[in-house]
Amino acid sequence: MNQATMQEAWNQLMDGHKQVYHKHGFYALGDAYIISGKDKKYKDQVILIERCEKLQHNHWEFKCSKKDCKFQPTITTNGDDNKGNLKRKAPKLQIIEE
């Protein structure tokens, strides 16, 4: 996805949307600490996670403090195999057209 689409999804998530859907999957907030493998510099932060078909993309350039988010992260496990491939299906995945 392009930067403008990611920025729009991030803005919607910051406004309180739980998930933002696109043609091939969805964006959601992820627990940066868990997604990073429990790196202490990401404690109490959220990042933008994209679930796209069978891949998970962690967009580290989009992150903020948990206290600045209206909702807590919905992605609380690192679903990929460290190569971006999802090990299991994303919950509640719906496909919609952009």
N, C-alpha and C. Protein backbone atom coordinates (compact mmCIF):
# COMPACT_ATOMS: atom_id res chain seq x y z
N MET A 1 0.84 -1.19 0.00
CA MET A 1 0.00 0.00 0.00
C MET A 1 0.88 1.25 0.00
N ASN A 2 0.32 2.31 -0.52
CA ASN A 2 1.12 3.53 -0.59
C ASN A 2 1.04 4.31 0.73
N GLN A 3 1.92 5.28 0.85
CA GLN A 3 2.04 6.06 2.09
C GLN A 3 0.75 6.81 2.42
N ALA A 4 0.08 7.35 1.41
CA ALA A 4 -1.17 8.09 1.66
C ALA A 4 -2.25 7.17 2.23
N THR A 5 -2.35 5.94 1.71
CA THR A 5 -3.33 4.98 2.21
C THR A 5 -3.02 4.61 3.65
N MET A 6 -1.74 4.39 3.95
CA MET A 6 -1.35 4.05 5.33
C MET A 6 -1.64 5.22 6.27
N GLN A 7 -1.37 6.44 5.82
CA GLN A 7 -1.63 7.62 6.66
C GLN A 7 -3.13 7.76 6.93
N GLU A 8 -3.94 7.53 5.91
CA GLU A 8 -5.39 7.61 6.08
C GLU A 8 -5.88 6.55 7.07
N ALA A 9 -5.36 5.32 6.94
CA ALA A 9 -5.73 4.25 7.87
C ALA A 9 -5.31 4.60 9.28
N TRP A 10 -4.09 5.10 9.45
CA TRP A 10 -3.58 5.50 10.77
C TRP A 10 -4.47 6.57 11.39
N ASN A 11 -4.86 7.56 10.59
CA ASN A 11 -5.73 8.64 11.09
C ASN A 11 -7.07 8.09 11.55
N GLN A 12 -7.63 7.16 10.79
CA GLN A 12 -8.91 6.57 11.18
C GLN A 12 -8.77 5.76 12.47
N LEU A 13 -7.68 5.02 12.59
CA LEU A 13 -7.45 4.25 13.82
C LEU A 13 -7.25 5.17 15.01
N MET A 14 -6.58 6.29 14.81
CA MET A 14 -6.39 7.26 15.89
C MET A 14 -7.70 7.94 16.27
N ASP A 15 -8.66 7.96 15.34
CA ASP A 15 -9.98 8.53 15.62
C ASP A 15 -10.91 7.53 16.31
N GLY A 16 -10.42 6.31 16.52
CA GLY A 16 -11.21 5.35 17.28
C GLY A 16 -11.73 4.16 16.52
N HIS A 17 -11.46 4.07 15.21
CA HIS A 17 -11.89 2.89 14.46
C HIS A 17 -11.07 1.69 14.90
N LYS A 18 -11.72 0.54 15.03
CA LYS A 18 -11.01 -0.66 15.50
C LYS A 18 -10.17 -1.28 14.38
N GLN A 19 -10.72 -1.34 13.18
CA GLN A 19 -10.01 -1.85 12.02
C GLN A 19 -10.40 -1.02 10.81
N VAL A 20 -9.47 -0.87 9.88
CA VAL A 20 -9.72 -0.15 8.64
C VAL A 20 -9.47 -1.13 7.51
N TYR A 21 -10.52 -1.43 6.73
CA TYR A 21 -10.44 -2.46 5.70
C TYR A 21 -10.02 -1.88 4.35
N HIS A 22 -9.32 -2.69 3.58
CA HIS A 22 -9.03 -2.36 2.20
C HIS A 22 -9.24 -3.61 1.35
N LYS A 23 -9.01 -3.49 0.06
CA LYS A 23 -9.38 -4.56 -0.87
C LYS A 23 -8.78 -5.92 -0.52
N HIS A 24 -7.56 -5.96 0.01
CA HIS A 24 -6.89 -7.23 0.25
C HIS A 24 -6.77 -7.62 1.73
N GLY A 25 -7.27 -6.79 2.65
CA GLY A 25 -7.13 -7.11 4.06
C GLY A 25 -7.54 -5.94 4.93
N PHE A 26 -6.76 -5.68 5.98
CA PHE A 26 -7.11 -4.57 6.86
C PHE A 26 -5.90 -4.05 7.63
N TYR A 27 -6.07 -2.86 8.18
CA TYR A 27 -5.11 -2.25 9.10
C TYR A 27 -5.70 -2.29 10.50
N ALA A 28 -4.83 -2.42 11.49
CA ALA A 28 -5.26 -2.37 12.89
C ALA A 28 -4.07 -1.91 13.72
N LEU A 29 -4.35 -1.58 14.97
CA LEU A 29 -3.27 -1.22 15.88
C LEU A 29 -2.67 -2.48 16.49
N GLY A 30 -1.35 -2.49 16.58
CA GLY A 30 -0.66 -3.63 17.17
C GLY A 30 0.11 -3.22 18.41
N ASP A 31 0.26 -4.13 19.34
CA ASP A 31 1.06 -3.90 20.54
C ASP A 31 2.53 -3.96 20.13
N ALA A 32 3.20 -2.81 20.06
CA ALA A 32 4.57 -2.73 19.55
C ALA A 32 5.55 -3.55 20.37
N TYR A 33 5.33 -3.63 21.67
CA TYR A 33 6.22 -4.38 22.56
C TYR A 33 6.21 -5.87 22.21
N ILE A 34 5.01 -6.42 22.04
CA ILE A 34 4.90 -7.83 21.72
C ILE A 34 5.34 -8.11 20.29
N ILE A 35 4.89 -7.27 19.36
CA ILE A 35 5.24 -7.47 17.95
C ILE A 35 6.75 -7.42 17.75
N SER A 36 7.44 -6.59 18.53
CA SER A 36 8.89 -6.43 18.39
C SER A 36 9.69 -7.56 19.03
N GLY A 37 9.01 -8.51 19.66
CA GLY A 37 9.73 -9.55 20.39
C GLY A 37 10.11 -9.08 21.78
N LYS A 38 9.29 -8.17 22.34
CA LYS A 38 9.44 -7.63 23.70
C LYS A 38 10.68 -6.74 23.86
N ASP A 39 10.95 -5.94 22.82
CA ASP A 39 12.01 -4.93 22.88
C ASP A 39 11.53 -3.81 23.80
N LYS A 40 12.29 -3.52 24.86
CA LYS A 40 11.86 -2.56 25.88
C LYS A 40 11.63 -1.16 25.34
N LYS A 41 12.27 -0.78 24.23
CA LYS A 41 12.06 0.57 23.70
C LYS A 41 10.66 0.75 23.12
N TYR A 42 9.93 -0.34 22.92
CA TYR A 42 8.57 -0.26 22.40
C TYR A 42 7.51 -0.49 23.47
N LYS A 43 7.89 -0.50 24.73
CA LYS A 43 6.95 -0.69 25.83
C LYS A 43 5.88 0.41 25.80
N ASP A 44 4.62 0.02 25.95
CA ASP A 44 3.48 0.95 26.00
C ASP A 44 3.32 1.78 24.73
N GLN A 45 3.68 1.20 23.59
CA GLN A 45 3.47 1.86 22.31
C GLN A 45 2.65 0.97 21.40
N VAL A 46 1.99 1.60 20.44
CA VAL A 46 1.25 0.87 19.42
C VAL A 46 1.82 1.23 18.06
N ILE A 47 1.69 0.29 17.12
CA ILE A 47 2.13 0.54 15.75
C ILE A 47 1.02 0.15 14.79
N LEU A 48 1.20 0.57 13.55
CA LEU A 48 0.25 0.23 12.49
C LEU A 48 0.60 -1.15 11.94
N ILE A 49 -0.38 -2.04 11.98
CA ILE A 49 -0.22 -3.40 11.44
C ILE A 49 -1.12 -3.52 10.23
N GLU A 50 -0.58 -4.09 9.17
CA GLU A 50 -1.38 -4.37 7.98
C GLU A 50 -1.44 -5.87 7.78
N ARG A 51 -2.65 -6.40 7.72
CA ARG A 51 -2.85 -7.80 7.36
C ARG A 51 -3.33 -7.79 5.92
N CYS A 52 -2.53 -8.34 5.04
CA CYS A 52 -2.82 -8.28 3.61
C CYS A 52 -2.72 -9.68 3.02
N GLU A 53 -3.86 -10.23 2.62
CA GLU A 53 -3.93 -11.60 2.14
C GLU A 53 -3.26 -12.51 3.16
N LYS A 54 -2.15 -13.15 2.85
CA LYS A 54 -1.51 -14.06 3.82
C LYS A 54 -0.28 -13.44 4.45
N LEU A 55 -0.13 -12.12 4.38
CA LEU A 55 1.05 -11.45 4.92
C LEU A 55 0.70 -10.48 6.03
N GLN A 56 1.63 -10.28 6.94
CA GLN A 56 1.52 -9.24 7.97
C GLN A 56 2.66 -8.26 7.76
N HIS A 57 2.32 -6.97 7.68
CA HIS A 57 3.32 -5.92 7.55
C HIS A 57 3.26 -5.04 8.79
N ASN A 58 4.39 -4.89 9.46
CA ASN A 58 4.49 -4.03 10.63
C ASN A 58 5.07 -2.70 10.18
N HIS A 59 4.26 -1.65 10.23
CA HIS A 59 4.69 -0.33 9.75
C HIS A 59 5.23 0.48 10.94
N TRP A 60 6.52 0.33 11.20
CA TRP A 60 7.16 0.93 12.37
C TRP A 60 7.21 2.45 12.32
N GLU A 61 7.08 3.03 11.13
CA GLU A 61 7.10 4.49 11.04
C GLU A 61 5.83 5.12 11.61
N PHE A 62 4.78 4.30 11.80
CA PHE A 62 3.53 4.76 12.41
C PHE A 62 3.44 4.18 13.81
N LYS A 63 3.79 4.96 14.81
CA LYS A 63 3.67 4.48 16.19
C LYS A 63 3.35 5.64 17.11
N CYS A 64 2.73 5.31 18.23
CA CYS A 64 2.42 6.33 19.24
C CYS A 64 2.27 5.63 20.59
N SER A 65 2.15 6.43 21.62
CA SER A 65 1.96 5.93 22.97
C SER A 65 0.54 5.36 23.12
N LYS A 66 0.41 4.29 23.90
CA LYS A 66 -0.92 3.71 24.14
C LYS A 66 -1.88 4.72 24.74
N LYS A 67 -1.38 5.62 25.58
CA LYS A 67 -2.27 6.59 26.24
C LYS A 67 -2.86 7.59 25.26
N ASP A 68 -2.27 7.74 24.06
CA ASP A 68 -2.79 8.66 23.06
C ASP A 68 -3.80 8.02 22.12
N CYS A 69 -4.10 6.73 22.32
CA CYS A 69 -5.03 6.01 21.45
C CYS A 69 -6.38 5.84 22.15
N LYS A 70 -7.44 5.96 21.37
CA LYS A 70 -8.78 5.78 21.94
C LYS A 70 -9.09 4.32 22.22
N PHE A 71 -8.47 3.41 21.47
CA PHE A 71 -8.67 1.98 21.65
C PHE A 71 -7.32 1.32 21.89
N GLN A 72 -7.34 0.24 22.63
CA GLN A 72 -6.13 -0.54 22.84
C GLN A 72 -5.85 -1.35 21.57
N PRO A 73 -4.61 -1.80 21.38
CA PRO A 73 -4.28 -2.57 20.18
C PRO A 73 -5.14 -3.82 20.05
N THR A 74 -5.53 -4.14 18.82
CA THR A 74 -6.30 -5.35 18.56
C THR A 74 -5.40 -6.50 18.12
N ILE A 75 -4.19 -6.19 17.66
CA ILE A 75 -3.23 -7.22 17.28
C ILE A 75 -2.25 -7.35 18.45
N THR A 76 -2.38 -8.42 19.21
CA THR A 76 -1.56 -8.59 20.42
C THR A 76 -0.69 -9.84 20.35
N THR A 77 -0.58 -10.41 19.15
CA THR A 77 0.37 -11.50 18.94
C THR A 77 1.07 -11.24 17.62
N ASN A 78 2.30 -11.66 17.52
CA ASN A 78 3.00 -11.51 16.25
C ASN A 78 2.64 -12.71 15.39
N GLY A 79 1.71 -12.50 14.49
CA GLY A 79 1.16 -13.60 13.70
C GLY A 79 2.05 -14.08 12.58
N ASP A 80 3.19 -13.42 12.35
CA ASP A 80 4.00 -13.85 11.22
C ASP A 80 5.12 -14.80 11.65
N ASP A 81 5.80 -15.33 10.65
CA ASP A 81 6.88 -16.30 10.89
C ASP A 81 8.25 -15.63 10.79
N ASN A 82 8.32 -14.32 11.03
CA ASN A 82 9.52 -13.49 10.92
C ASN A 82 9.97 -13.29 9.48
N LYS A 83 9.16 -13.73 8.52
CA LYS A 83 9.40 -13.47 7.11
C LYS A 83 8.19 -12.77 6.50
N GLY A 84 7.26 -12.33 7.37
CA GLY A 84 6.06 -11.64 6.92
C GLY A 84 4.88 -12.54 6.63
N ASN A 85 5.07 -13.84 6.61
CA ASN A 85 3.98 -14.77 6.31
C ASN A 85 3.19 -15.08 7.57
N LEU A 86 1.88 -14.98 7.48
CA LEU A 86 1.04 -15.26 8.63
C LEU A 86 1.03 -16.75 8.93
N LYS A 87 1.15 -17.09 10.20
CA LYS A 87 1.11 -18.49 10.64
C LYS A 87 -0.33 -18.95 10.84
N ARG A 88 -1.23 -18.00 11.00
CA ARG A 88 -2.64 -18.34 11.21
C ARG A 88 -3.50 -17.24 10.61
N LYS A 89 -4.75 -17.57 10.40
CA LYS A 89 -5.66 -16.59 9.82
C LYS A 89 -5.89 -15.43 10.77
N ALA A 90 -6.00 -14.25 10.21
CA ALA A 90 -6.32 -13.06 11.00
C ALA A 90 -7.77 -13.15 11.46
N PRO A 91 -8.06 -12.75 12.70
CA PRO A 91 -9.46 -12.80 13.17
C PRO A 91 -10.32 -11.76 12.46
N LYS A 92 -11.54 -12.16 12.14
CA LYS A 92 -12.54 -11.26 11.58
C LYS A 92 -12.10 -10.59 10.28
N LEU A 93 -11.33 -11.28 9.46
CA LEU A 93 -10.88 -10.70 8.19
C LEU A 93 -12.06 -10.60 7.24
N GLN A 94 -12.26 -9.43 6.71
CA GLN A 94 -13.29 -9.20 5.72
C GLN A 94 -12.65 -8.51 4.54
N ILE A 95 -13.06 -8.87 3.36
CA ILE A 95 -12.53 -8.25 2.16
C ILE A 95 -13.56 -7.27 1.64
N ILE A 96 -13.15 -6.02 1.47
CA ILE A 96 -14.03 -5.01 0.88
C ILE A 96 -13.26 -4.29 -0.21
N GLU A 97 -13.97 -3.69 -1.12
CA GLU A 97 -13.34 -2.93 -2.20
C GLU A 97 -12.96 -1.54 -1.71
N GLU A 98 -11.86 -1.03 -2.25
CA GLU A 98 -11.43 0.33 -1.87
C GLU A 98 -12.31 1.34 -2.55
